[in-house]
């Protein structure tokens, strides 16, 4: 965004998040991380959330996941004494029932709910002007695709249709970037 940043997922630990935050500050000086969007609640995607909320990020989560994150942020934490002192339990949390849009007037990021077999309250992210989406666990973008569509991949295709978005590429939370067209073709679209 023009004056702030949106981050998808905070994997593993506050140590990793602090490393990422420092790298982001070096690359984009003066741009605060205003939003942290979670694909879902699993620890390998949310373990480093305290580092971001200590910086003032608002959490964006799928509908029904807000209570989980309120409990996490209200729990005592002693494993990372380097976090800024702040009452993390007061962190704003936005729950997405269908679609949530973050815009700066030029660029638009949207988070979309995905019904899928992996985890409840899953979101995919989408940056409209560059037609890039972000997904994790239900698809690891890039080759190879299976010979037949399976239920997690069908969930991605259905989410794209339901959201009315038109990604050309997807980035994955466990690495990988891939074109969306082969997946859509596999699903018969």
N, C-alpha and C. Protein backbone atom coordinates (compact mmCIF):
# COMPACT_ATOMS: atom_id res chain seq x y z
N UNK A 1 0.84 -1.17 0.00
CA UNK A 1 0.00 0.00 0.00
C UNK A 1 0.89 1.24 0.00
N UNK A 2 0.29 2.35 -0.33
CA UNK A 2 1.06 3.58 -0.45
C UNK A 2 1.72 4.01 0.86
N UNK A 3 0.97 3.96 1.98
CA UNK A 3 1.49 4.47 3.24
C UNK A 3 1.60 3.42 4.35
N UNK A 4 1.21 2.19 4.08
CA UNK A 4 1.25 1.14 5.09
C UNK A 4 1.37 -0.21 4.41
N UNK A 5 1.56 -1.25 5.21
CA UNK A 5 1.74 -2.60 4.68
C UNK A 5 0.70 -3.56 5.26
N UNK A 6 0.41 -4.60 4.48
CA UNK A 6 -0.46 -5.69 4.88
C UNK A 6 0.39 -6.96 4.81
N UNK A 7 0.39 -7.75 5.86
CA UNK A 7 1.17 -8.99 5.91
C UNK A 7 0.21 -10.16 6.01
N UNK A 8 0.50 -11.22 5.28
CA UNK A 8 -0.28 -12.47 5.38
C UNK A 8 0.52 -13.47 6.21
N UNK A 9 -0.06 -13.93 7.30
CA UNK A 9 0.48 -14.95 8.19
C UNK A 9 1.73 -14.49 8.94
N UNK A 10 1.92 -15.09 10.10
CA UNK A 10 3.07 -14.82 10.97
C UNK A 10 3.60 -16.16 11.45
N UNK A 11 4.32 -16.86 10.58
CA UNK A 11 4.69 -18.24 10.87
C UNK A 11 5.60 -18.43 12.08
N UNK A 12 5.40 -19.53 12.72
CA UNK A 12 6.28 -20.19 13.68
C UNK A 12 6.51 -19.45 15.00
N UNK A 13 7.19 -18.30 14.99
CA UNK A 13 7.59 -17.70 16.27
C UNK A 13 7.74 -16.19 16.16
N UNK A 14 7.80 -15.56 17.32
CA UNK A 14 8.05 -14.12 17.34
C UNK A 14 9.45 -13.81 16.83
N UNK A 15 10.41 -14.72 17.04
CA UNK A 15 11.76 -14.50 16.51
C UNK A 15 11.70 -14.32 15.00
N UNK A 16 11.02 -15.24 14.31
CA UNK A 16 10.90 -15.14 12.85
C UNK A 16 10.15 -13.88 12.46
N UNK A 17 9.09 -13.56 13.18
CA UNK A 17 8.33 -12.35 12.87
C UNK A 17 9.19 -11.10 13.07
N UNK A 18 9.96 -11.05 14.15
CA UNK A 18 10.84 -9.89 14.36
C UNK A 18 11.85 -9.75 13.23
N UNK A 19 12.40 -10.88 12.77
CA UNK A 19 13.33 -10.85 11.64
C UNK A 19 12.62 -10.26 10.42
N UNK A 20 11.40 -10.75 10.14
CA UNK A 20 10.63 -10.26 8.99
C UNK A 20 10.30 -8.79 9.13
N UNK A 21 9.86 -8.38 10.30
CA UNK A 21 9.53 -6.97 10.55
C UNK A 21 10.75 -6.09 10.30
N UNK A 22 11.90 -6.50 10.78
CA UNK A 22 13.12 -5.71 10.57
C UNK A 22 13.48 -5.64 9.09
N UNK A 23 13.32 -6.74 8.36
CA UNK A 23 13.60 -6.75 6.92
C UNK A 23 12.62 -5.83 6.19
N UNK A 24 11.35 -5.86 6.59
CA UNK A 24 10.33 -5.01 5.98
C UNK A 24 10.63 -3.53 6.26
N UNK A 25 11.02 -3.22 7.48
CA UNK A 25 11.35 -1.83 7.82
C UNK A 25 12.54 -1.33 7.00
N UNK A 26 13.50 -2.20 6.73
CA UNK A 26 14.66 -1.81 5.92
C UNK A 26 14.26 -1.58 4.47
N UNK A 27 13.36 -2.42 3.96
CA UNK A 27 12.95 -2.30 2.56
C UNK A 27 11.93 -1.18 2.35
N UNK A 28 11.03 -0.99 3.30
CA UNK A 28 9.96 0.00 3.18
C UNK A 28 9.99 0.96 4.38
N UNK A 29 11.04 1.77 4.49
CA UNK A 29 11.13 2.65 5.66
C UNK A 29 9.94 3.60 5.76
N UNK A 30 9.45 3.77 6.98
CA UNK A 30 8.35 4.69 7.21
C UNK A 30 6.97 4.11 6.96
N UNK A 31 6.90 2.86 6.48
CA UNK A 31 5.59 2.23 6.24
C UNK A 31 5.30 1.25 7.37
N UNK A 32 4.34 1.56 8.22
CA UNK A 32 4.00 0.63 9.30
C UNK A 32 3.23 -0.58 8.76
N UNK A 33 3.37 -1.69 9.46
CA UNK A 33 2.54 -2.86 9.16
C UNK A 33 1.23 -2.64 9.89
N UNK A 34 0.21 -2.29 9.14
CA UNK A 34 -1.07 -1.93 9.73
C UNK A 34 -1.99 -3.13 9.93
N UNK A 35 -1.87 -4.14 9.06
CA UNK A 35 -2.75 -5.31 9.13
C UNK A 35 -1.93 -6.59 9.06
N UNK A 36 -2.33 -7.57 9.87
CA UNK A 36 -1.81 -8.93 9.81
C UNK A 36 -3.01 -9.82 9.52
N UNK A 37 -3.01 -10.43 8.33
CA UNK A 37 -4.13 -11.25 7.88
C UNK A 37 -3.73 -12.71 8.02
N UNK A 38 -4.55 -13.49 8.71
CA UNK A 38 -4.26 -14.91 8.89
C UNK A 38 -5.06 -15.75 7.92
N UNK A 39 -4.37 -16.69 7.27
CA UNK A 39 -5.08 -17.64 6.43
C UNK A 39 -5.94 -18.56 7.29
N UNK A 40 -5.40 -19.00 8.43
CA UNK A 40 -6.14 -19.81 9.38
C UNK A 40 -5.37 -19.86 10.70
N UNK A 41 -5.91 -20.54 11.67
CA UNK A 41 -5.42 -20.46 13.05
C UNK A 41 -4.25 -21.38 13.39
N UNK A 42 -3.80 -22.24 12.52
CA UNK A 42 -2.75 -23.19 12.87
C UNK A 42 -1.44 -22.49 13.24
N UNK A 43 -0.74 -23.06 14.21
CA UNK A 43 0.44 -22.44 14.80
C UNK A 43 1.52 -22.12 13.77
N UNK A 44 1.68 -22.97 12.76
CA UNK A 44 2.75 -22.70 11.79
C UNK A 44 2.44 -21.48 10.93
N UNK A 45 1.27 -20.89 11.10
CA UNK A 45 0.90 -19.66 10.39
C UNK A 45 0.64 -18.49 11.33
N UNK A 46 0.55 -18.77 12.63
CA UNK A 46 0.19 -17.71 13.58
C UNK A 46 1.13 -17.59 14.78
N UNK A 47 2.13 -18.44 14.88
CA UNK A 47 3.00 -18.48 16.06
C UNK A 47 3.72 -17.19 16.36
N UNK A 48 3.91 -16.34 15.35
CA UNK A 48 4.62 -15.10 15.54
C UNK A 48 3.73 -13.87 15.61
N UNK A 49 2.47 -14.04 15.96
CA UNK A 49 1.54 -12.92 15.92
C UNK A 49 1.86 -11.82 16.92
N UNK A 50 2.40 -12.15 18.08
CA UNK A 50 2.63 -11.12 19.10
C UNK A 50 3.60 -10.05 18.63
N UNK A 51 4.60 -10.42 17.85
CA UNK A 51 5.56 -9.42 17.36
C UNK A 51 4.86 -8.37 16.50
N UNK A 52 3.90 -8.81 15.68
CA UNK A 52 3.18 -7.86 14.82
C UNK A 52 2.21 -6.99 15.62
N UNK A 53 1.46 -7.60 16.53
CA UNK A 53 0.50 -6.79 17.28
C UNK A 53 1.22 -5.86 18.25
N UNK A 54 2.41 -6.24 18.71
CA UNK A 54 3.19 -5.33 19.55
C UNK A 54 3.60 -4.09 18.76
N UNK A 55 3.65 -4.21 17.44
CA UNK A 55 3.96 -3.07 16.56
C UNK A 55 2.71 -2.27 16.22
N UNK A 56 1.52 -2.77 16.63
CA UNK A 56 0.29 -2.04 16.38
C UNK A 56 -0.58 -2.58 15.25
N UNK A 57 -0.26 -3.77 14.73
CA UNK A 57 -1.05 -4.33 13.64
C UNK A 57 -2.43 -4.77 14.12
N UNK A 58 -3.42 -4.56 13.27
CA UNK A 58 -4.77 -5.07 13.46
C UNK A 58 -4.83 -6.47 12.86
N UNK A 59 -5.45 -7.41 13.56
CA UNK A 59 -5.60 -8.77 13.04
C UNK A 59 -6.84 -8.87 12.16
N UNK A 60 -6.70 -9.60 11.06
CA UNK A 60 -7.83 -9.90 10.19
C UNK A 60 -7.90 -11.42 10.11
N UNK A 61 -9.03 -11.99 10.56
CA UNK A 61 -9.18 -13.44 10.64
C UNK A 61 -10.53 -13.85 10.06
N UNK A 62 -10.67 -15.13 9.75
CA UNK A 62 -11.94 -15.65 9.27
C UNK A 62 -12.98 -15.66 10.37
N UNK A 63 -14.25 -15.56 9.96
CA UNK A 63 -15.37 -15.54 10.91
C UNK A 63 -15.30 -16.77 11.81
N UNK A 64 -15.46 -16.51 13.09
CA UNK A 64 -15.43 -17.58 14.08
C UNK A 64 -14.08 -17.76 14.74
N UNK A 65 -13.03 -17.14 14.21
CA UNK A 65 -11.68 -17.30 14.77
C UNK A 65 -11.31 -16.19 15.75
N UNK A 66 -12.11 -15.16 15.84
CA UNK A 66 -11.79 -14.02 16.70
C UNK A 66 -11.61 -14.41 18.16
N UNK A 67 -12.51 -15.25 18.70
CA UNK A 67 -12.39 -15.64 20.10
C UNK A 67 -11.09 -16.38 20.37
N UNK A 68 -10.68 -17.23 19.45
CA UNK A 68 -9.42 -17.96 19.61
C UNK A 68 -8.26 -16.97 19.77
N UNK A 69 -8.20 -15.99 18.90
CA UNK A 69 -7.09 -15.04 18.95
C UNK A 69 -7.18 -14.09 20.14
N UNK A 70 -8.38 -13.78 20.59
CA UNK A 70 -8.52 -12.97 21.81
C UNK A 70 -7.94 -13.73 23.01
N UNK A 71 -8.20 -15.04 23.07
CA UNK A 71 -7.65 -15.87 24.16
C UNK A 71 -6.14 -15.94 24.06
N UNK A 72 -5.62 -16.13 22.86
CA UNK A 72 -4.17 -16.19 22.67
C UNK A 72 -3.52 -14.89 23.15
N UNK A 73 -4.08 -13.77 22.75
CA UNK A 73 -3.48 -12.48 23.09
C UNK A 73 -3.66 -12.10 24.56
N UNK A 74 -4.65 -12.68 25.22
CA UNK A 74 -4.86 -12.41 26.64
C UNK A 74 -3.99 -13.30 27.52
N UNK A 75 -3.46 -14.38 26.96
CA UNK A 75 -2.64 -15.31 27.73
C UNK A 75 -1.28 -14.68 28.04
N UNK A 76 -0.70 -15.06 29.19
CA UNK A 76 0.63 -14.52 29.51
C UNK A 76 1.67 -15.02 28.50
N UNK A 77 2.67 -14.20 28.25
CA UNK A 77 3.75 -14.62 27.37
C UNK A 77 5.07 -14.19 27.99
N UNK A 78 5.97 -15.10 28.09
CA UNK A 78 7.27 -14.80 28.70
C UNK A 78 8.42 -15.24 27.82
N UNK A 79 8.12 -15.83 26.69
CA UNK A 79 9.18 -16.39 25.85
C UNK A 79 9.86 -15.35 24.97
N UNK A 80 9.30 -14.17 24.86
CA UNK A 80 9.93 -13.15 24.03
C UNK A 80 9.98 -11.83 24.79
N UNK A 81 11.02 -11.64 25.59
CA UNK A 81 11.11 -10.41 26.38
C UNK A 81 11.41 -9.17 25.53
N UNK A 82 11.70 -9.35 24.24
CA UNK A 82 12.02 -8.22 23.37
C UNK A 82 10.80 -7.52 22.81
N UNK A 83 9.62 -8.07 23.02
CA UNK A 83 8.42 -7.43 22.48
C UNK A 83 8.16 -6.11 23.19
N UNK A 84 7.66 -5.17 22.44
CA UNK A 84 7.29 -3.89 23.03
C UNK A 84 6.23 -4.11 24.11
N UNK A 85 6.34 -3.41 25.20
CA UNK A 85 5.37 -3.56 26.28
C UNK A 85 4.06 -2.93 25.84
N UNK A 86 3.03 -3.72 25.83
CA UNK A 86 1.72 -3.26 25.37
C UNK A 86 0.68 -4.28 25.79
N UNK A 87 -0.52 -3.86 26.09
CA UNK A 87 -1.59 -4.79 26.43
C UNK A 87 -2.12 -5.38 25.12
N UNK A 88 -1.62 -6.56 24.77
CA UNK A 88 -1.98 -7.18 23.50
C UNK A 88 -3.44 -7.61 23.46
N UNK A 89 -4.08 -7.74 24.62
CA UNK A 89 -5.48 -8.17 24.65
C UNK A 89 -6.41 -7.11 24.06
N UNK A 90 -5.92 -5.89 23.88
CA UNK A 90 -6.75 -4.82 23.31
C UNK A 90 -6.55 -4.68 21.79
N UNK A 91 -5.86 -5.63 21.20
CA UNK A 91 -5.61 -5.60 19.75
C UNK A 91 -6.92 -5.67 18.98
N UNK A 92 -7.13 -4.77 18.02
CA UNK A 92 -8.33 -4.87 17.19
C UNK A 92 -8.30 -6.15 16.34
N UNK A 93 -9.42 -6.84 16.31
CA UNK A 93 -9.54 -8.07 15.50
C UNK A 93 -10.77 -7.93 14.62
N UNK A 94 -10.55 -8.07 13.32
CA UNK A 94 -11.63 -8.00 12.34
C UNK A 94 -11.92 -9.42 11.87
N UNK A 95 -13.18 -9.84 11.99
CA UNK A 95 -13.58 -11.17 11.52
C UNK A 95 -14.25 -11.03 10.16
N UNK A 96 -13.77 -11.81 9.20
CA UNK A 96 -14.28 -11.76 7.83
C UNK A 96 -15.32 -12.85 7.63
N UNK A 97 -16.55 -12.45 7.36
CA UNK A 97 -17.62 -13.41 7.10
C UNK A 97 -17.65 -13.82 5.63
N UNK A 98 -17.28 -12.92 4.75
CA UNK A 98 -17.32 -13.17 3.31
C UNK A 98 -16.10 -12.52 2.66
N UNK A 99 -16.02 -11.19 2.76
CA UNK A 99 -14.95 -10.43 2.11
C UNK A 99 -14.62 -9.21 2.97
N UNK A 100 -13.34 -8.91 3.05
CA UNK A 100 -12.91 -7.69 3.73
C UNK A 100 -11.91 -6.99 2.83
N UNK A 101 -12.11 -5.69 2.59
CA UNK A 101 -11.27 -4.93 1.68
C UNK A 101 -10.45 -3.90 2.46
N UNK A 102 -9.17 -3.86 2.13
CA UNK A 102 -8.26 -2.85 2.65
C UNK A 102 -7.77 -2.07 1.44
N UNK A 103 -7.95 -0.74 1.48
CA UNK A 103 -7.59 0.08 0.33
C UNK A 103 -6.87 1.34 0.79
N UNK A 104 -5.99 1.83 -0.08
CA UNK A 104 -5.34 3.11 0.19
C UNK A 104 -5.73 4.14 -0.86
N UNK A 105 -6.74 3.84 -1.65
CA UNK A 105 -7.17 4.72 -2.72
C UNK A 105 -6.55 4.39 -4.07
N UNK A 106 -5.43 3.68 -4.05
CA UNK A 106 -4.76 3.27 -5.29
C UNK A 106 -4.77 1.75 -5.43
N UNK A 107 -4.40 1.08 -4.37
CA UNK A 107 -4.28 -0.38 -4.38
C UNK A 107 -5.33 -0.96 -3.45
N UNK A 108 -5.83 -2.13 -3.85
CA UNK A 108 -6.84 -2.80 -3.04
C UNK A 108 -6.39 -4.22 -2.73
N UNK A 109 -6.42 -4.55 -1.45
CA UNK A 109 -6.18 -5.91 -0.97
C UNK A 109 -7.50 -6.41 -0.42
N UNK A 110 -7.85 -7.64 -0.73
CA UNK A 110 -9.07 -8.20 -0.15
C UNK A 110 -8.79 -9.58 0.42
N UNK A 111 -9.49 -9.90 1.49
CA UNK A 111 -9.43 -11.21 2.13
C UNK A 111 -10.79 -11.87 1.94
N UNK A 112 -10.77 -13.15 1.55
CA UNK A 112 -12.00 -13.87 1.21
C UNK A 112 -12.06 -15.19 1.98
N UNK A 113 -13.23 -15.47 2.53
CA UNK A 113 -13.43 -16.73 3.24
C UNK A 113 -13.42 -17.90 2.26
N UNK A 114 -12.89 -19.04 2.70
CA UNK A 114 -12.80 -20.23 1.85
C UNK A 114 -13.37 -21.42 2.63
N UNK A 115 -14.46 -21.96 2.16
CA UNK A 115 -14.96 -23.22 2.73
C UNK A 115 -14.04 -24.31 2.21
N UNK A 116 -13.46 -25.11 3.13
CA UNK A 116 -12.47 -26.10 2.72
C UNK A 116 -12.37 -27.21 3.75
N UNK A 117 -11.72 -28.33 3.40
CA UNK A 117 -11.61 -29.44 4.34
C UNK A 117 -10.45 -29.32 5.32
N UNK A 118 -9.61 -28.31 5.20
CA UNK A 118 -8.41 -28.23 6.03
C UNK A 118 -8.65 -27.56 7.38
N UNK A 119 -9.22 -26.34 7.37
CA UNK A 119 -9.41 -25.60 8.61
C UNK A 119 -10.57 -24.63 8.47
N UNK A 120 -11.33 -24.51 9.55
CA UNK A 120 -12.42 -23.54 9.57
C UNK A 120 -11.84 -22.13 9.53
N UNK A 121 -12.61 -21.20 9.07
CA UNK A 121 -12.26 -19.77 9.07
C UNK A 121 -11.06 -19.44 8.20
N UNK A 122 -10.84 -20.20 7.14
CA UNK A 122 -9.70 -19.97 6.25
C UNK A 122 -9.97 -18.79 5.32
N UNK A 123 -8.92 -17.99 5.11
CA UNK A 123 -8.98 -16.85 4.19
C UNK A 123 -7.93 -17.00 3.10
N UNK A 124 -8.24 -16.47 1.91
CA UNK A 124 -7.23 -16.24 0.89
C UNK A 124 -7.13 -14.72 0.72
N UNK A 125 -5.94 -14.26 0.37
CA UNK A 125 -5.73 -12.84 0.14
C UNK A 125 -5.62 -12.57 -1.35
N UNK A 126 -5.95 -11.36 -1.77
CA UNK A 126 -5.92 -11.01 -3.19
C UNK A 126 -5.55 -9.55 -3.37
N UNK A 127 -4.57 -9.29 -4.23
CA UNK A 127 -4.18 -7.93 -4.59
C UNK A 127 -4.67 -7.71 -6.02
N UNK A 128 -5.70 -6.90 -6.16
CA UNK A 128 -6.44 -6.79 -7.42
C UNK A 128 -5.63 -6.26 -8.59
N UNK A 129 -4.85 -5.19 -8.39
CA UNK A 129 -4.18 -4.57 -9.54
C UNK A 129 -3.09 -5.44 -10.15
N UNK A 130 -2.51 -6.33 -9.36
CA UNK A 130 -1.48 -7.23 -9.91
C UNK A 130 -2.01 -8.65 -10.10
N UNK A 131 -3.27 -8.87 -9.70
CA UNK A 131 -3.96 -10.15 -9.88
C UNK A 131 -3.19 -11.33 -9.25
N UNK A 132 -2.67 -11.08 -8.04
CA UNK A 132 -1.95 -12.10 -7.29
C UNK A 132 -2.75 -12.44 -6.04
N UNK A 133 -2.89 -13.73 -5.77
CA UNK A 133 -3.60 -14.20 -4.58
C UNK A 133 -2.63 -14.97 -3.69
N UNK A 134 -3.02 -15.16 -2.43
CA UNK A 134 -2.21 -15.88 -1.46
C UNK A 134 -3.06 -16.97 -0.83
N UNK A 135 -2.51 -18.17 -0.79
CA UNK A 135 -3.22 -19.32 -0.22
C UNK A 135 -2.22 -20.15 0.57
N UNK A 136 -2.70 -20.86 1.54
CA UNK A 136 -1.80 -21.77 2.24
C UNK A 136 -2.54 -23.04 2.65
N UNK A 137 -1.80 -24.10 2.66
CA UNK A 137 -2.19 -25.45 3.07
C UNK A 137 -3.21 -26.14 2.16
N UNK A 138 -4.18 -25.45 1.62
CA UNK A 138 -5.12 -26.14 0.74
C UNK A 138 -4.58 -26.23 -0.69
N UNK A 139 -3.55 -25.46 -0.99
CA UNK A 139 -2.83 -25.59 -2.26
C UNK A 139 -1.42 -25.05 -2.06
N UNK A 140 -0.44 -25.79 -2.52
CA UNK A 140 0.93 -25.31 -2.61
C UNK A 140 1.15 -24.99 -4.08
N UNK A 141 1.01 -23.72 -4.46
CA UNK A 141 1.03 -23.34 -5.87
C UNK A 141 2.29 -23.79 -6.61
N UNK A 142 2.09 -24.02 -7.88
CA UNK A 142 3.17 -24.46 -8.75
C UNK A 142 3.02 -25.93 -9.07
N UNK A 143 3.80 -26.38 -10.06
CA UNK A 143 3.71 -27.78 -10.44
C UNK A 143 4.33 -28.67 -9.37
N UNK A 144 3.99 -29.93 -9.35
CA UNK A 144 3.01 -30.56 -10.23
C UNK A 144 1.61 -30.54 -9.62
N UNK A 145 0.62 -30.50 -10.46
CA UNK A 145 -0.76 -30.66 -10.03
C UNK A 145 -1.11 -32.14 -10.11
N UNK A 146 -2.06 -32.59 -9.30
CA UNK A 146 -2.48 -33.99 -9.42
C UNK A 146 -3.22 -34.20 -10.75
N UNK A 147 -3.46 -35.45 -11.09
CA UNK A 147 -4.17 -35.75 -12.34
C UNK A 147 -5.65 -35.40 -12.25
N UNK A 148 -6.22 -35.49 -11.04
CA UNK A 148 -7.64 -35.17 -10.84
C UNK A 148 -7.75 -34.13 -9.74
N UNK A 149 -8.80 -33.34 -9.82
CA UNK A 149 -9.06 -32.33 -8.80
C UNK A 149 -9.38 -33.03 -7.48
N UNK A 150 -8.89 -32.51 -6.38
CA UNK A 150 -9.24 -33.04 -5.06
C UNK A 150 -9.99 -31.96 -4.29
N UNK A 151 -10.50 -32.29 -3.12
CA UNK A 151 -11.36 -31.34 -2.42
C UNK A 151 -10.64 -30.07 -1.96
N UNK A 152 -9.39 -30.10 -1.50
CA UNK A 152 -8.76 -28.82 -1.16
C UNK A 152 -8.57 -27.92 -2.38
N UNK A 153 -8.14 -28.50 -3.51
CA UNK A 153 -7.95 -27.70 -4.72
C UNK A 153 -9.28 -27.18 -5.25
N UNK A 154 -10.31 -28.01 -5.17
CA UNK A 154 -11.64 -27.56 -5.58
C UNK A 154 -12.11 -26.40 -4.70
N UNK A 155 -11.71 -26.41 -3.42
CA UNK A 155 -12.07 -25.31 -2.52
C UNK A 155 -11.45 -23.99 -2.98
N UNK A 156 -10.21 -24.06 -3.47
CA UNK A 156 -9.55 -22.85 -3.98
C UNK A 156 -10.31 -22.32 -5.20
N UNK A 157 -10.60 -23.21 -6.14
CA UNK A 157 -11.30 -22.80 -7.35
C UNK A 157 -12.68 -22.24 -7.01
N UNK A 158 -13.40 -22.90 -6.13
CA UNK A 158 -14.71 -22.41 -5.72
C UNK A 158 -14.62 -21.05 -5.02
N UNK A 159 -13.59 -20.86 -4.20
CA UNK A 159 -13.42 -19.58 -3.51
C UNK A 159 -13.16 -18.45 -4.51
N UNK A 160 -12.35 -18.73 -5.52
CA UNK A 160 -12.07 -17.72 -6.55
C UNK A 160 -13.36 -17.33 -7.26
N UNK A 161 -14.15 -18.33 -7.63
CA UNK A 161 -15.44 -18.05 -8.30
C UNK A 161 -16.37 -17.27 -7.38
N UNK A 162 -16.52 -17.75 -6.17
CA UNK A 162 -17.45 -17.12 -5.22
C UNK A 162 -17.03 -15.69 -4.91
N UNK A 163 -15.73 -15.44 -4.82
CA UNK A 163 -15.23 -14.10 -4.51
C UNK A 163 -15.31 -13.16 -5.70
N UNK A 164 -15.41 -13.72 -6.91
CA UNK A 164 -15.44 -12.89 -8.10
C UNK A 164 -14.10 -12.24 -8.39
N UNK A 165 -13.02 -12.91 -8.01
CA UNK A 165 -11.68 -12.39 -8.27
C UNK A 165 -11.09 -13.10 -9.47
N UNK A 166 -10.04 -12.54 -10.04
CA UNK A 166 -9.44 -13.15 -11.24
C UNK A 166 -7.91 -13.20 -11.14
N UNK A 167 -7.40 -14.02 -10.22
CA UNK A 167 -5.95 -14.11 -10.08
C UNK A 167 -5.30 -14.78 -11.29
N UNK A 168 -4.14 -14.28 -11.64
CA UNK A 168 -3.33 -14.98 -12.65
C UNK A 168 -2.31 -15.88 -11.97
N UNK A 169 -1.89 -15.47 -10.76
CA UNK A 169 -0.91 -16.25 -10.01
C UNK A 169 -1.31 -16.33 -8.55
N UNK A 170 -0.82 -17.38 -7.91
CA UNK A 170 -0.99 -17.56 -6.47
C UNK A 170 0.38 -17.71 -5.83
N UNK A 171 0.56 -17.10 -4.69
CA UNK A 171 1.72 -17.34 -3.84
C UNK A 171 1.27 -18.26 -2.72
N UNK A 172 2.15 -19.12 -2.28
CA UNK A 172 1.79 -20.08 -1.25
C UNK A 172 2.46 -19.83 0.08
N UNK A 173 1.78 -20.16 1.14
CA UNK A 173 2.30 -19.97 2.49
C UNK A 173 3.41 -20.92 2.86
N UNK A 174 3.56 -21.99 2.14
CA UNK A 174 4.66 -22.92 2.36
C UNK A 174 5.59 -22.90 1.16
N UNK A 175 5.78 -21.72 0.62
CA UNK A 175 6.65 -21.48 -0.54
C UNK A 175 5.90 -21.83 -1.82
N UNK A 176 6.50 -21.45 -2.89
CA UNK A 176 5.94 -21.73 -4.20
C UNK A 176 5.04 -20.62 -4.70
N UNK A 177 5.15 -20.42 -5.99
CA UNK A 177 4.29 -19.49 -6.72
C UNK A 177 3.88 -20.23 -7.98
N UNK A 178 2.62 -20.11 -8.35
CA UNK A 178 2.16 -20.82 -9.53
C UNK A 178 1.07 -20.08 -10.25
N UNK A 179 0.97 -20.37 -11.53
CA UNK A 179 -0.12 -19.82 -12.34
C UNK A 179 -1.43 -20.47 -11.92
N UNK A 180 -2.48 -19.67 -11.92
CA UNK A 180 -3.80 -20.18 -11.54
C UNK A 180 -4.47 -20.95 -12.67
N UNK A 181 -4.22 -20.59 -13.93
CA UNK A 181 -4.91 -21.20 -15.07
C UNK A 181 -4.84 -22.73 -15.08
N UNK A 182 -3.70 -23.36 -14.83
CA UNK A 182 -3.68 -24.83 -14.82
C UNK A 182 -4.60 -25.44 -13.76
N UNK A 183 -4.70 -24.80 -12.59
CA UNK A 183 -5.61 -25.31 -11.56
C UNK A 183 -7.06 -25.15 -12.01
N UNK A 184 -7.39 -23.99 -12.57
CA UNK A 184 -8.75 -23.78 -13.05
C UNK A 184 -9.09 -24.79 -14.15
N UNK A 185 -8.15 -25.06 -15.04
CA UNK A 185 -8.38 -26.04 -16.11
C UNK A 185 -8.58 -27.43 -15.54
N UNK A 186 -7.81 -27.78 -14.53
CA UNK A 186 -7.96 -29.10 -13.89
C UNK A 186 -9.36 -29.26 -13.32
N UNK A 187 -9.91 -28.16 -12.82
CA UNK A 187 -11.26 -28.18 -12.24
C UNK A 187 -12.34 -28.06 -13.30
N UNK A 188 -11.93 -27.92 -14.57
CA UNK A 188 -12.91 -27.83 -15.65
C UNK A 188 -13.43 -26.42 -15.88
N UNK A 189 -12.68 -25.41 -15.50
CA UNK A 189 -13.12 -24.03 -15.69
C UNK A 189 -12.30 -23.33 -16.74
